[in-house]
Amino acid sequence: MLEVVKFYGFNPNFAGMMCCPFHEDRNPSMKIYEKNYHCFGCGESGDATSFVAKLYGLRQIDAAKKISYDFGLSLFDNNRVVKVKPELTEFQKYSRWLESATVIVSAYLDKLNDWRERYRPKNENEKLNALFVESLQQKEFVEYLRDTLKFGSKEDKREMYEHDQAVIDKIKERLQKMKHIAPPRRRSI
């Protein structure tokens, strides 16, 4: 069950809890067990096939085919296996974006905090490192984004989803760019 949940974009915490994709969930209320799941908020429960069926709005057989195809299991006759391209509901799109945006913004804020300490000038004559400057310029705004995503009202989160996706995409691009460029080493004095 855990592999299925992770494959389709969810990241349960260390206790196997995650926000339920089937209702608007602020705090993790869905428990992922070895062979099934249960949401303590809305009562939804079932196995991997029923999770995928509910998530993508599929019949059970189509959900089984999707899992078989996606995991390369070849459980069905090769002539009958077709990739199922389900349409996510608007709420499912929103929930996935909200979870992803929170992770992205939190990761960037962690980087900014690290840079502020790591590249802080040791004296007034030292040239300012670009990452230190970025941390000074971006930290307050990124804290606002993080706080809105984590603790904001439903309306604030929905407005961010509808109007500010490009801002989150830009932060995601920045994080991806950092993976390809090693930060400059701090020189010792």
Protein backbone atom coordinates (compact mmCIF):
# COMPACT_ATOMS: atom_id res chain seq x y z
CA MET A 1 0.00 0.00 0.00
CA LEU A 2 2.80 2.41 0.88
CA GLU A 3 4.48 1.90 -2.51
CA VAL A 4 1.20 2.64 -4.32
CA VAL A 5 0.57 5.80 -2.31
CA LYS A 6 4.11 7.07 -2.91
CA PHE A 7 4.00 6.17 -6.61
CA TYR A 8 0.94 8.38 -7.08
CA GLY A 9 2.57 11.39 -5.44
CA PHE A 10 1.82 11.22 -1.73
CA ASN A 11 4.37 11.20 1.09
CA PRO A 12 3.09 9.76 4.35
CA ASN A 13 5.03 10.82 7.44
CA PHE A 14 7.12 8.49 9.60
CA ALA A 15 3.95 7.21 11.32
CA GLY A 16 2.29 6.37 7.99
CA MET A 17 -0.10 9.34 8.20
CA MET A 18 -0.91 11.74 5.37
CA CYS A 19 -3.55 14.28 4.42
CA CYS A 20 -6.51 12.53 2.86
CA PRO A 21 -6.93 13.29 -0.85
CA PHE A 22 -10.66 12.52 -0.65
CA HIS A 23 -11.71 15.45 1.54
CA GLU A 24 -10.25 18.82 2.46
CA ASP A 25 -7.79 17.80 5.12
CA ARG A 26 -5.63 20.27 7.06
CA ASN A 27 -3.90 17.72 9.24
CA PRO A 28 -2.93 14.17 8.31
CA SER A 29 -5.91 11.94 9.03
CA MET A 30 -5.30 9.03 6.64
CA LYS A 31 -3.27 6.10 7.96
CA ILE A 32 -1.42 3.93 5.47
CA TYR A 33 -1.10 0.36 6.67
CA GLU A 34 0.78 -2.52 5.03
CA LYS A 35 -2.17 -3.71 2.93
CA ASN A 36 -4.82 -1.02 3.27
CA TYR A 37 -5.61 2.55 4.26
CA HIS A 38 -8.13 4.25 6.50
CA CYS A 39 -9.05 7.92 6.87
CA PHE A 40 -10.09 8.84 10.38
CA GLY A 41 -11.56 12.10 9.06
CA CYS A 42 -13.97 11.01 6.33
CA GLY A 43 -14.05 7.25 6.99
CA GLU A 44 -12.76 6.25 3.55
CA SER A 45 -10.89 2.95 3.63
CA GLY A 46 -9.83 0.11 1.39
CA ASP A 47 -6.90 -1.52 -0.34
CA ALA A 48 -4.51 -0.28 -3.04
CA THR A 49 -6.99 -0.93 -5.84
CA SER A 50 -9.81 0.94 -4.14
CA PHE A 51 -7.44 3.82 -3.33
CA VAL A 52 -6.48 4.20 -7.00
CA ALA A 53 -10.10 3.75 -8.10
CA LYS A 54 -11.29 6.51 -5.77
CA LEU A 55 -8.31 8.76 -6.51
CA TYR A 56 -8.80 8.68 -10.28
CA GLY A 57 -12.54 8.03 -10.47
CA LEU A 58 -12.12 4.56 -12.01
CA ARG A 59 -13.92 1.26 -11.81
CA GLN A 60 -12.10 -1.34 -9.69
CA ILE A 61 -11.02 -3.34 -12.74
CA ASP A 62 -9.62 -0.23 -14.44
CA ALA A 63 -7.78 0.70 -11.23
CA ALA A 64 -6.27 -2.80 -11.13
CA LYS A 65 -5.19 -2.43 -14.77
CA LYS A 66 -3.69 0.98 -14.02
CA ILE A 67 -1.66 -0.38 -11.11
CA SER A 68 -0.56 -3.36 -13.22
CA TYR A 69 0.54 -1.07 -16.06
CA ASP A 70 2.15 1.59 -13.87
CA PHE A 71 4.13 -0.95 -11.84
CA GLY A 72 5.00 -3.14 -14.85
CA LEU A 73 3.34 -6.18 -13.31
CA SER A 74 1.79 -7.63 -16.52
CA LEU A 75 -1.08 -9.11 -14.52
CA PHE A 76 -3.42 -8.84 -17.48
CA ASP A 77 -3.16 -10.28 -20.96
CA ASN A 78 -0.84 -7.94 -22.89
CA ASN A 79 -3.55 -7.43 -25.50
CA ARG A 80 -5.95 -6.05 -22.90
CA VAL A 81 -3.64 -3.91 -20.82
CA VAL A 82 -4.08 -0.27 -21.68
CA LYS A 83 -2.79 2.70 -19.86
CA VAL A 84 -5.68 4.33 -18.11
CA LYS A 85 -5.49 8.11 -18.35
CA PRO A 86 -7.88 9.26 -15.67
CA GLU A 87 -8.91 12.82 -15.11
CA LEU A 88 -8.26 14.14 -11.64
CA THR A 89 -11.06 16.03 -9.97
CA GLU A 90 -10.48 19.70 -9.34
CA PHE A 91 -10.24 18.99 -5.61
CA GLN A 92 -7.60 16.29 -6.20
CA LYS A 93 -5.56 18.69 -8.35
CA TYR A 94 -5.83 21.34 -5.65
CA SER A 95 -4.88 18.91 -2.86
CA ARG A 96 -1.83 17.64 -4.73
CA TRP A 97 -0.72 21.16 -5.57
CA LEU A 98 -1.16 22.29 -1.96
CA GLU A 99 0.92 19.41 -0.61
CA SER A 100 3.62 19.88 -3.25
CA ALA A 101 3.72 23.68 -2.85
CA THR A 102 4.13 23.36 0.92
CA VAL A 103 7.09 21.00 0.49
CA ILE A 104 8.71 23.25 -2.14
CA VAL A 105 8.32 26.46 -0.17
CA SER A 106 9.52 24.84 3.07
CA ALA A 107 12.61 23.45 1.33
CA TYR A 108 13.45 26.86 -0.11
CA LEU A 109 12.97 28.53 3.27
CA ASP A 110 15.36 25.98 4.80
CA LYS A 111 17.93 26.90 2.13
CA LEU A 112 17.47 30.62 2.79
CA ASN A 113 17.97 30.14 6.53
CA ASP A 114 21.08 28.05 5.89
CA TRP A 115 22.53 30.63 3.51
CA ARG A 116 21.88 33.48 5.92
CA GLU A 117 24.04 31.76 8.52
CA ARG A 118 26.60 30.07 6.28
CA TYR A 119 27.42 33.10 4.10
CA ARG A 120 27.03 35.86 6.68
CA PRO A 121 29.97 38.26 6.29
CA LYS A 122 32.53 37.99 9.06
CA ASN A 123 33.41 41.67 8.85
CA GLU A 124 32.14 44.81 7.17
CA ASN A 125 34.81 44.70 4.44
CA GLU A 126 33.98 41.21 3.22
CA LYS A 127 32.15 41.10 -0.11
CA LEU A 128 28.56 39.88 0.23
CA ASN A 129 27.90 36.40 -1.14
CA ALA A 130 25.02 36.26 -3.64
CA LEU A 131 23.30 33.50 -1.65
CA PHE A 132 23.45 35.60 1.52
CA VAL A 133 21.88 38.51 -0.37
CA GLU A 134 19.18 36.22 -1.77
CA SER A 135 18.37 35.04 1.75
CA LEU A 136 17.96 38.64 2.90
CA GLN A 137 15.77 39.56 -0.05
CA GLN A 138 13.54 36.48 -0.12
CA LYS A 139 13.15 35.20 3.44
CA GLU A 140 10.24 37.35 4.58
CA PHE A 141 8.19 36.68 1.43
CA VAL A 142 8.89 32.94 1.52
CA GLU A 143 7.91 32.82 5.21
CA TYR A 144 4.62 34.47 4.24
CA LEU A 145 4.06 31.84 1.52
CA ARG A 146 4.90 28.99 3.90
CA ASP A 147 2.64 30.33 6.64
CA THR A 148 -0.24 30.79 4.20
CA LEU A 149 0.17 27.27 2.80
CA LYS A 150 0.43 25.66 6.24
CA PHE A 151 -1.79 27.80 8.44
CA GLY A 152 -3.79 30.07 6.15
CA SER A 153 -7.54 30.00 5.74
CA LYS A 154 -9.16 27.82 3.12
CA GLU A 155 -9.89 30.95 1.13
CA ASP A 156 -6.27 32.17 1.24
CA LYS A 157 -4.96 28.76 0.14
CA ARG A 158 -7.52 28.54 -2.67
CA GLU A 159 -6.63 32.04 -3.86
CA MET A 160 -2.94 31.14 -3.88
CA TYR A 161 -3.78 28.02 -5.92
CA GLU A 162 -5.82 30.02 -8.42
CA HIS A 163 -3.51 33.03 -8.79
CA ASP A 164 0.00 32.30 -7.54
CA GLN A 165 1.03 28.96 -9.03
CA ALA A 166 3.68 30.70 -11.12
CA VAL A 167 5.38 31.95 -7.93
CA ILE A 168 5.64 28.39 -6.59
CA ASP A 169 6.84 27.14 -9.99
CA LYS A 170 9.60 29.76 -9.93
CA ILE A 171 10.72 28.59 -6.49
CA LYS A 172 10.67 24.98 -7.70
CA GLU A 173 12.84 25.95 -10.68
CA ARG A 174 15.24 27.71 -8.32
CA LEU A 175 15.55 24.59 -6.17
CA GLN A 176 16.11 22.41 -9.23
CA LYS A 177 18.76 24.81 -10.54
CA MET A 178 20.60 24.58 -7.21
CA LYS A 179 20.90 20.82 -7.61
CA HIS A 180 22.92 21.35 -10.80
CA ILE A 181 25.11 24.16 -9.51
CA ALA A 182 27.27 23.57 -6.46
CA PRO A 183 27.25 26.58 -4.13
CA PRO A 184 30.54 28.40 -3.80
CA ARG A 185 32.72 27.22 -0.94
CA ARG A 186 33.14 29.50 2.00
CA ARG A 187 36.69 30.68 2.15
CA SER A 188 38.34 30.72 5.55
CA ILE A 189 40.00 33.86 6.80
